[in-house]
Protein backbone atom coordinates (compact mmCIF):
# COMPACT_ATOMS: atom_id res chain seq x y z
CA MET A 1 0.00 0.00 0.00
CA ASP A 2 1.63 3.17 -1.17
CA THR A 3 -1.02 5.86 -0.92
CA LEU A 4 -2.86 7.52 1.91
CA SER A 5 -6.26 6.66 0.43
CA GLU A 6 -5.35 2.97 0.00
CA ARG A 7 -4.17 2.74 3.59
CA MET A 8 -7.30 4.53 4.84
CA THR A 9 -9.51 2.07 2.97
CA GLU A 10 -7.62 -0.87 4.47
CA LEU A 11 -7.93 0.53 8.00
CA LYS A 12 -11.64 1.30 7.58
CA GLU A 13 -12.13 -2.35 6.61
CA LYS A 14 -10.44 -3.22 9.94
CA GLY A 15 -13.00 -1.12 11.84
CA TYR A 16 -11.30 2.29 12.02
CA ARG A 17 -14.38 4.17 10.89
CA GLU A 18 -14.38 7.38 12.94
CA GLU A 19 -12.59 10.46 11.66
CA PHE A 20 -10.86 12.19 14.57
CA LYS A 21 -9.58 15.74 14.88
CA ILE A 22 -7.50 17.46 17.52
CA SER A 23 -9.16 20.39 19.23
CA GLY A 24 -7.25 22.10 22.00
CA ASN A 25 -6.11 19.48 24.49
CA SER A 26 -8.39 16.70 23.29
CA LEU A 27 -9.08 14.35 20.44
CA ARG A 28 -12.65 14.70 19.19
CA THR A 29 -14.90 12.70 16.96
CA ASN A 30 -15.66 14.50 13.73
CA ASP A 31 -19.20 15.33 14.86
CA GLY A 32 -17.88 16.64 18.20
CA THR A 33 -20.00 14.34 20.37
CA HIS A 34 -17.03 12.58 22.03
CA SER A 35 -13.80 14.00 23.39
CA TYR A 36 -10.71 12.15 24.66
CA SER A 37 -7.61 13.11 26.60
CA PRO A 38 -4.20 11.60 25.75
CA LYS A 39 -4.67 9.08 28.59
CA GLN A 40 -7.78 7.73 26.87
CA ILE A 41 -6.14 7.12 23.48
CA ARG A 42 -4.02 4.33 22.08
CA ILE A 43 -2.22 4.59 18.74
CA ASN A 44 -2.33 1.12 17.21
CA GLU A 45 -0.54 1.92 13.94
CA HIS A 46 0.88 4.88 12.07
CA PHE A 47 2.01 5.46 8.49
CA ARG A 48 4.02 8.28 6.90
CA PHE A 49 3.47 9.54 3.37
CA GLU A 50 5.28 12.03 1.16
CA GLY A 51 3.67 13.72 -1.81
CA GLU A 52 4.92 12.40 -5.14
CA SER A 53 5.26 15.82 -6.70
CA ASP A 54 6.31 17.72 -3.58
CA PRO A 55 8.43 16.07 -0.87
CA ALA A 56 7.39 18.86 1.50
CA ASP A 57 3.82 17.51 1.30
CA MET A 58 4.16 15.07 4.21
CA THR A 59 1.38 13.36 6.14
CA VAL A 60 1.04 10.88 8.99
CA LEU A 61 -1.99 8.61 9.26
CA TYR A 62 -2.76 7.33 12.76
CA ALA A 63 -5.01 4.34 13.52
CA ILE A 64 -6.41 5.19 16.96
CA GLU A 65 -8.52 3.37 19.51
CA THR A 66 -10.09 5.08 22.51
CA ASP A 67 -10.64 3.55 25.93
CA SER A 68 -14.36 3.43 25.12
CA GLY A 69 -13.64 1.22 22.09
CA ILE A 70 -14.12 3.77 19.31
CA LYS A 71 -11.66 3.14 16.50
CA GLY A 72 -10.81 5.80 13.96
CA LEU A 73 -8.26 7.67 11.93
CA LEU A 74 -6.39 10.92 12.37
CA ILE A 75 -4.49 12.57 9.55
CA ASP A 76 -1.73 14.92 10.61
CA ALA A 77 0.85 16.88 8.66
CA PHE A 78 4.50 16.72 9.58
CA GLY A 79 7.49 18.72 8.58
CA VAL A 80 6.96 22.23 7.24
CA TYR A 81 3.15 22.08 7.41
CA SER A 82 2.76 20.53 10.86
CA ASP A 83 0.65 22.25 13.49
CA PRO A 84 2.76 22.65 16.66
CA GLU A 85 -0.27 22.14 18.94
CA ASP A 86 -1.28 18.92 17.15
CA SER A 87 2.30 17.65 17.28
CA ALA A 88 2.48 18.41 21.02
CA PHE A 89 -0.78 16.53 21.62
CA MET A 90 0.45 13.46 19.74
CA GLN A 91 3.76 13.63 21.64
CA LYS A 92 1.81 13.52 24.94
CA ILE A 93 0.17 10.29 23.80
CA ARG A 94 3.52 8.75 22.87
CA GLU A 95 5.02 9.74 26.24
CA LEU A 96 2.07 8.37 28.23
CA HIS A 97 2.08 5.05 26.40
CA LYS A 98 5.81 4.65 25.81
CA GLY A 99 6.54 1.10 24.72
CA ASN A 100 2.86 0.24 24.22
CA ILE A 101 2.17 1.81 20.82
CA TYR A 102 3.06 0.99 17.26
């Protein structure tokens, strides 16, 4: 699997159906009905992609599961286009679950 869309399709077939977004200090479902702190989140897999025409177009796809059992995806930029707040939030998750993710 070489593309973001192919990987997303594969993960959705594995049950990662929610589309998450980071808002402030929490991860939220796309419709905003659920919110999770870093302690409530586990990153099961992650994949990095670079744009074919522009190497600066870099993305990370996270397959996430919450402590309530909701499985979903989060797309995040890295490199030049990364959001410092989003990166800090994801770093909190990695620190809290060191050794237990990916």
